[in-house]
Structures are given as C-alpha cells and as structure tokens.
Amino acid sequence: PMRFQAEGALWLAGRQRALLADEMGLGKTCQAVLAADHIGAPDVLVLAPAAVTANWLREFSLWSGHSRPARIVRAPADADGPGVRVASYD
C-alpha cells in the first residue's frame, strides 16, 4: 500500500466508528481491508453496489494477510458462517 493508505488503515482501525471518504480511485477498499486485518476481524460484512461486489472479493485476496473465507451474499441464507461476506444494497 501507499503510505497514505497504510496511515488511513491505522486511523480506521483505531476507531469504533469512522467514515472514510477519500476521492474515487485513492484506495478506500485497500484501506478498509488493511484496517480489518489490523484489528484481527474474523468476520467482515461489506455493503456495496452490485457492480463492485466481485471487486471486493478480489481486493480481500490481494490486500489481506488473513485467510478468511469470502463470498458474495445474494440471499439471507448465504450470510451464515464466518469470513468476509459481500452484499449488495441494490
């Protein structure tokens, strides 16, 4: 990650609530994945537009140092179990 992404991930990891509102293309996804790793989150829920759900799965495999199962949630039954769950709000 770039220095500002690493710093952003640490900033996110150090808060109970936060909003990361960088401009498009600056690596918010990377920062969120790294922050989840920093806090050791075994389970992660991502809500995103349908068009980028597959991208979130790729980003977790690219940036995360943790091996969490990851899947796209298309129905409530898919949400059960541990790991990264990516759902669309569309």
N, C-alpha and C. Protein backbone atom coordinates (compact mmCIF):
# COMPACT_ATOMS: atom_id res chain seq x y z
N PRO A 1 0.83 -1.21 0.00
CA PRO A 1 0.00 0.00 0.00
C PRO A 1 0.86 1.26 0.00
N MET A 2 0.29 2.33 -0.46
CA MET A 2 0.97 3.62 -0.39
C MET A 2 0.93 4.11 1.06
N ARG A 3 1.81 5.04 1.37
CA ARG A 3 1.92 5.49 2.76
C ARG A 3 0.58 6.02 3.30
N PHE A 4 -0.13 6.83 2.51
CA PHE A 4 -1.40 7.39 3.00
C PHE A 4 -2.45 6.29 3.19
N GLN A 5 -2.36 5.20 2.40
CA GLN A 5 -3.29 4.09 2.58
C GLN A 5 -3.01 3.35 3.89
N ALA A 6 -1.73 3.13 4.18
CA ALA A 6 -1.35 2.47 5.43
C ALA A 6 -1.77 3.32 6.62
N GLU A 7 -1.55 4.63 6.52
CA GLU A 7 -1.95 5.54 7.60
C GLU A 7 -3.47 5.56 7.75
N GLY A 8 -4.19 5.56 6.64
CA GLY A 8 -5.65 5.54 6.68
C GLY A 8 -6.17 4.27 7.32
N ALA A 9 -5.54 3.14 7.02
CA ALA A 9 -5.95 1.87 7.61
C ALA A 9 -5.75 1.88 9.12
N LEU A 10 -4.62 2.41 9.57
CA LEU A 10 -4.37 2.51 11.02
C LEU A 10 -5.36 3.46 11.68
N TRP A 11 -5.69 4.56 11.00
CA TRP A 11 -6.66 5.52 11.52
C TRP A 11 -8.02 4.83 11.68
N LEU A 12 -8.45 4.09 10.65
CA LEU A 12 -9.72 3.37 10.73
C LEU A 12 -9.70 2.34 11.86
N ALA A 13 -8.62 1.59 11.95
CA ALA A 13 -8.51 0.53 12.95
C ALA A 13 -8.55 1.06 14.37
N GLY A 14 -8.17 2.31 14.55
CA GLY A 14 -8.14 2.90 15.89
C GLY A 14 -9.44 3.52 16.35
N ARG A 15 -10.52 3.33 15.59
CA ARG A 15 -11.80 3.95 15.94
C ARG A 15 -12.92 2.92 15.98
N GLN A 16 -13.90 3.21 16.84
CA GLN A 16 -15.09 2.36 16.88
C GLN A 16 -16.03 2.67 15.72
N ARG A 17 -16.07 3.94 15.33
CA ARG A 17 -16.90 4.38 14.20
C ARG A 17 -16.09 5.34 13.37
N ALA A 18 -16.18 5.19 12.06
CA ALA A 18 -15.42 6.08 11.19
C ALA A 18 -16.05 6.11 9.81
N LEU A 19 -15.79 7.18 9.11
CA LEU A 19 -16.22 7.31 7.72
C LEU A 19 -14.99 7.64 6.90
N LEU A 20 -14.68 6.78 5.96
CA LEU A 20 -13.55 7.01 5.07
C LEU A 20 -14.14 7.56 3.77
N ALA A 21 -13.85 8.81 3.48
CA ALA A 21 -14.50 9.49 2.35
C ALA A 21 -13.48 10.08 1.38
N ASP A 22 -12.44 9.32 1.07
CA ASP A 22 -11.46 9.77 0.08
C ASP A 22 -12.11 9.84 -1.30
N GLU A 23 -11.45 10.54 -2.19
CA GLU A 23 -11.90 10.62 -3.58
C GLU A 23 -11.85 9.23 -4.22
N MET A 24 -12.62 9.07 -5.31
CA MET A 24 -12.59 7.82 -6.05
C MET A 24 -11.17 7.54 -6.56
N GLY A 25 -10.80 6.26 -6.51
CA GLY A 25 -9.52 5.85 -7.07
C GLY A 25 -8.32 5.97 -6.13
N LEU A 26 -8.54 6.37 -4.88
CA LEU A 26 -7.42 6.52 -3.95
C LEU A 26 -7.18 5.30 -3.07
N GLY A 27 -8.00 4.28 -3.22
CA GLY A 27 -7.72 3.04 -2.48
C GLY A 27 -8.46 2.89 -1.18
N LYS A 28 -9.72 3.31 -1.12
CA LYS A 28 -10.51 3.13 0.09
C LYS A 28 -10.71 1.64 0.40
N THR A 29 -10.86 0.83 -0.64
CA THR A 29 -11.06 -0.60 -0.43
C THR A 29 -9.83 -1.20 0.23
N CYS A 30 -8.66 -0.88 -0.26
CA CYS A 30 -7.41 -1.36 0.33
C CYS A 30 -7.33 -0.96 1.80
N GLN A 31 -7.66 0.29 2.10
CA GLN A 31 -7.58 0.78 3.48
C GLN A 31 -8.55 0.02 4.38
N ALA A 32 -9.75 -0.25 3.89
CA ALA A 32 -10.73 -0.98 4.69
C ALA A 32 -10.27 -2.41 4.96
N VAL A 33 -9.70 -3.06 3.95
CA VAL A 33 -9.20 -4.44 4.11
C VAL A 33 -8.05 -4.46 5.12
N LEU A 34 -7.11 -3.54 4.98
CA LEU A 34 -5.98 -3.48 5.91
C LEU A 34 -6.44 -3.17 7.33
N ALA A 35 -7.44 -2.30 7.48
CA ALA A 35 -7.96 -1.98 8.81
C ALA A 35 -8.59 -3.23 9.45
N ALA A 36 -9.32 -4.01 8.67
CA ALA A 36 -9.90 -5.25 9.19
C ALA A 36 -8.80 -6.20 9.66
N ASP A 37 -7.70 -6.26 8.92
CA ASP A 37 -6.56 -7.08 9.34
C ASP A 37 -5.94 -6.54 10.62
N HIS A 38 -5.77 -5.23 10.71
CA HIS A 38 -5.15 -4.62 11.90
C HIS A 38 -5.90 -4.97 13.18
N ILE A 39 -7.23 -4.99 13.10
CA ILE A 39 -8.00 -5.29 14.32
C ILE A 39 -8.26 -6.78 14.47
N GLY A 40 -7.80 -7.57 13.50
CA GLY A 40 -7.96 -9.02 13.59
C GLY A 40 -9.39 -9.48 13.43
N ALA A 41 -10.18 -8.77 12.64
CA ALA A 41 -11.59 -9.10 12.46
C ALA A 41 -11.74 -10.44 11.74
N PRO A 42 -12.31 -11.45 12.40
CA PRO A 42 -12.51 -12.73 11.73
C PRO A 42 -13.68 -12.67 10.75
N ASP A 43 -14.64 -11.80 11.03
CA ASP A 43 -15.82 -11.66 10.19
C ASP A 43 -15.94 -10.22 9.71
N VAL A 44 -16.25 -10.06 8.44
CA VAL A 44 -16.38 -8.74 7.84
C VAL A 44 -17.61 -8.75 6.95
N LEU A 45 -18.45 -7.71 7.09
CA LEU A 45 -19.60 -7.54 6.21
C LEU A 45 -19.38 -6.28 5.40
N VAL A 46 -19.43 -6.41 4.08
CA VAL A 46 -19.27 -5.28 3.17
C VAL A 46 -20.59 -5.08 2.44
N LEU A 47 -21.12 -3.87 2.47
CA LEU A 47 -22.30 -3.50 1.70
C LEU A 47 -21.84 -2.56 0.60
N ALA A 48 -22.13 -2.92 -0.64
CA ALA A 48 -21.61 -2.16 -1.78
C ALA A 48 -22.59 -2.27 -2.95
N PRO A 49 -22.43 -1.40 -3.94
CA PRO A 49 -23.25 -1.55 -5.15
C PRO A 49 -22.97 -2.91 -5.80
N ALA A 50 -23.99 -3.47 -6.44
CA ALA A 50 -23.86 -4.79 -7.06
C ALA A 50 -22.70 -4.85 -8.05
N ALA A 51 -22.45 -3.76 -8.73
CA ALA A 51 -21.40 -3.74 -9.76
C ALA A 51 -20.00 -3.96 -9.21
N VAL A 52 -19.78 -3.77 -7.91
CA VAL A 52 -18.42 -3.90 -7.36
C VAL A 52 -18.28 -5.01 -6.32
N THR A 53 -19.28 -5.87 -6.18
CA THR A 53 -19.17 -6.92 -5.17
C THR A 53 -18.02 -7.89 -5.49
N ALA A 54 -17.87 -8.27 -6.75
CA ALA A 54 -16.76 -9.17 -7.11
C ALA A 54 -15.42 -8.49 -6.89
N ASN A 55 -15.36 -7.19 -7.10
CA ASN A 55 -14.13 -6.43 -6.86
C ASN A 55 -13.72 -6.52 -5.39
N TRP A 56 -14.68 -6.44 -4.48
CA TRP A 56 -14.36 -6.54 -3.06
C TRP A 56 -13.72 -7.89 -2.74
N LEU A 57 -14.23 -8.96 -3.33
CA LEU A 57 -13.62 -10.28 -3.09
C LEU A 57 -12.18 -10.30 -3.59
N ARG A 58 -11.94 -9.75 -4.77
CA ARG A 58 -10.56 -9.68 -5.30
C ARG A 58 -9.66 -8.86 -4.39
N GLU A 59 -10.16 -7.74 -3.90
CA GLU A 59 -9.34 -6.87 -3.05
C GLU A 59 -8.98 -7.55 -1.74
N PHE A 60 -9.90 -8.32 -1.17
CA PHE A 60 -9.56 -9.06 0.05
C PHE A 60 -8.46 -10.07 -0.23
N SER A 61 -8.53 -10.76 -1.36
CA SER A 61 -7.49 -11.74 -1.67
C SER A 61 -6.16 -11.05 -1.97
N LEU A 62 -6.21 -9.83 -2.50
CA LEU A 62 -4.99 -9.09 -2.83
C LEU A 62 -4.33 -8.46 -1.61
N TRP A 63 -5.11 -7.80 -0.76
CA TRP A 63 -4.55 -6.98 0.32
C TRP A 63 -4.51 -7.65 1.69
N SER A 64 -5.36 -8.63 1.93
CA SER A 64 -5.44 -9.19 3.28
C SER A 64 -4.36 -10.24 3.52
N GLY A 65 -3.76 -10.16 4.69
CA GLY A 65 -2.80 -11.16 5.11
C GLY A 65 -3.46 -12.30 5.88
N HIS A 66 -4.76 -12.19 6.10
CA HIS A 66 -5.52 -13.22 6.82
C HIS A 66 -6.23 -14.11 5.81
N SER A 67 -6.37 -15.36 6.16
CA SER A 67 -7.11 -16.26 5.27
C SER A 67 -8.52 -16.42 5.84
N ARG A 68 -9.42 -15.61 5.32
CA ARG A 68 -10.82 -15.70 5.69
C ARG A 68 -11.58 -16.24 4.48
N PRO A 69 -12.56 -17.11 4.70
CA PRO A 69 -13.41 -17.46 3.56
C PRO A 69 -14.15 -16.20 3.11
N ALA A 70 -14.36 -16.06 1.82
CA ALA A 70 -15.03 -14.88 1.29
C ALA A 70 -16.07 -15.29 0.27
N ARG A 71 -17.21 -14.64 0.33
CA ARG A 71 -18.28 -14.96 -0.61
C ARG A 71 -19.22 -13.77 -0.80
N ILE A 72 -19.92 -13.79 -1.91
CA ILE A 72 -20.95 -12.80 -2.18
C ILE A 72 -22.27 -13.33 -1.63
N VAL A 73 -22.97 -12.49 -0.92
CA VAL A 73 -24.25 -12.84 -0.32
C VAL A 73 -25.36 -12.36 -1.25
N ARG A 74 -26.16 -13.30 -1.75
CA ARG A 74 -27.27 -12.94 -2.64
C ARG A 74 -28.63 -13.21 -1.99
N ALA A 75 -28.62 -13.96 -0.90
CA ALA A 75 -29.86 -14.29 -0.18
C ALA A 75 -29.52 -14.36 1.31
N PRO A 76 -30.50 -14.13 2.18
CA PRO A 76 -30.22 -14.18 3.63
C PRO A 76 -29.53 -15.46 4.09
N ALA A 77 -29.86 -16.59 3.49
CA ALA A 77 -29.23 -17.86 3.89
C ALA A 77 -27.74 -17.87 3.59
N ASP A 78 -27.30 -17.10 2.60
CA ASP A 78 -25.88 -17.03 2.24
C ASP A 78 -25.05 -16.29 3.29
N ALA A 79 -25.71 -15.55 4.16
CA ALA A 79 -25.00 -14.71 5.13
C ALA A 79 -24.48 -15.49 6.32
N ASP A 80 -24.92 -16.72 6.51
CA ASP A 80 -24.46 -17.51 7.66
C ASP A 80 -23.02 -17.94 7.48
N GLY A 81 -22.34 -18.07 8.61
CA GLY A 81 -20.98 -18.57 8.60
C GLY A 81 -19.95 -17.47 8.74
N PRO A 82 -18.70 -17.88 8.95
CA PRO A 82 -17.63 -16.91 9.20
C PRO A 82 -17.04 -16.33 7.92
N GLY A 83 -16.21 -15.32 8.09
CA GLY A 83 -15.42 -14.79 6.99
C GLY A 83 -15.94 -13.48 6.44
N VAL A 84 -15.56 -13.21 5.22
CA VAL A 84 -15.95 -11.98 4.52
C VAL A 84 -17.23 -12.26 3.75
N ARG A 85 -18.21 -11.42 4.00
CA ARG A 85 -19.47 -11.52 3.27
C ARG A 85 -19.69 -10.18 2.58
N VAL A 86 -19.89 -10.23 1.28
CA VAL A 86 -20.10 -9.02 0.48
C VAL A 86 -21.53 -9.06 -0.04
N ALA A 87 -22.30 -8.05 0.32
CA ALA A 87 -23.70 -7.98 -0.11
C ALA A 87 -23.95 -6.67 -0.83
N SER A 88 -24.92 -6.72 -1.73
CA SER A 88 -25.29 -5.51 -2.47
C SER A 88 -26.48 -4.86 -1.79
N TYR A 89 -26.47 -3.56 -1.78
CA TYR A 89 -27.64 -2.83 -1.27
C TYR A 89 -28.58 -2.45 -2.41
N ASP A 90 -28.24 -2.83 -3.64
CA ASP A 90 -29.11 -2.55 -4.80
C ASP A 90 -30.34 -3.43 -4.78
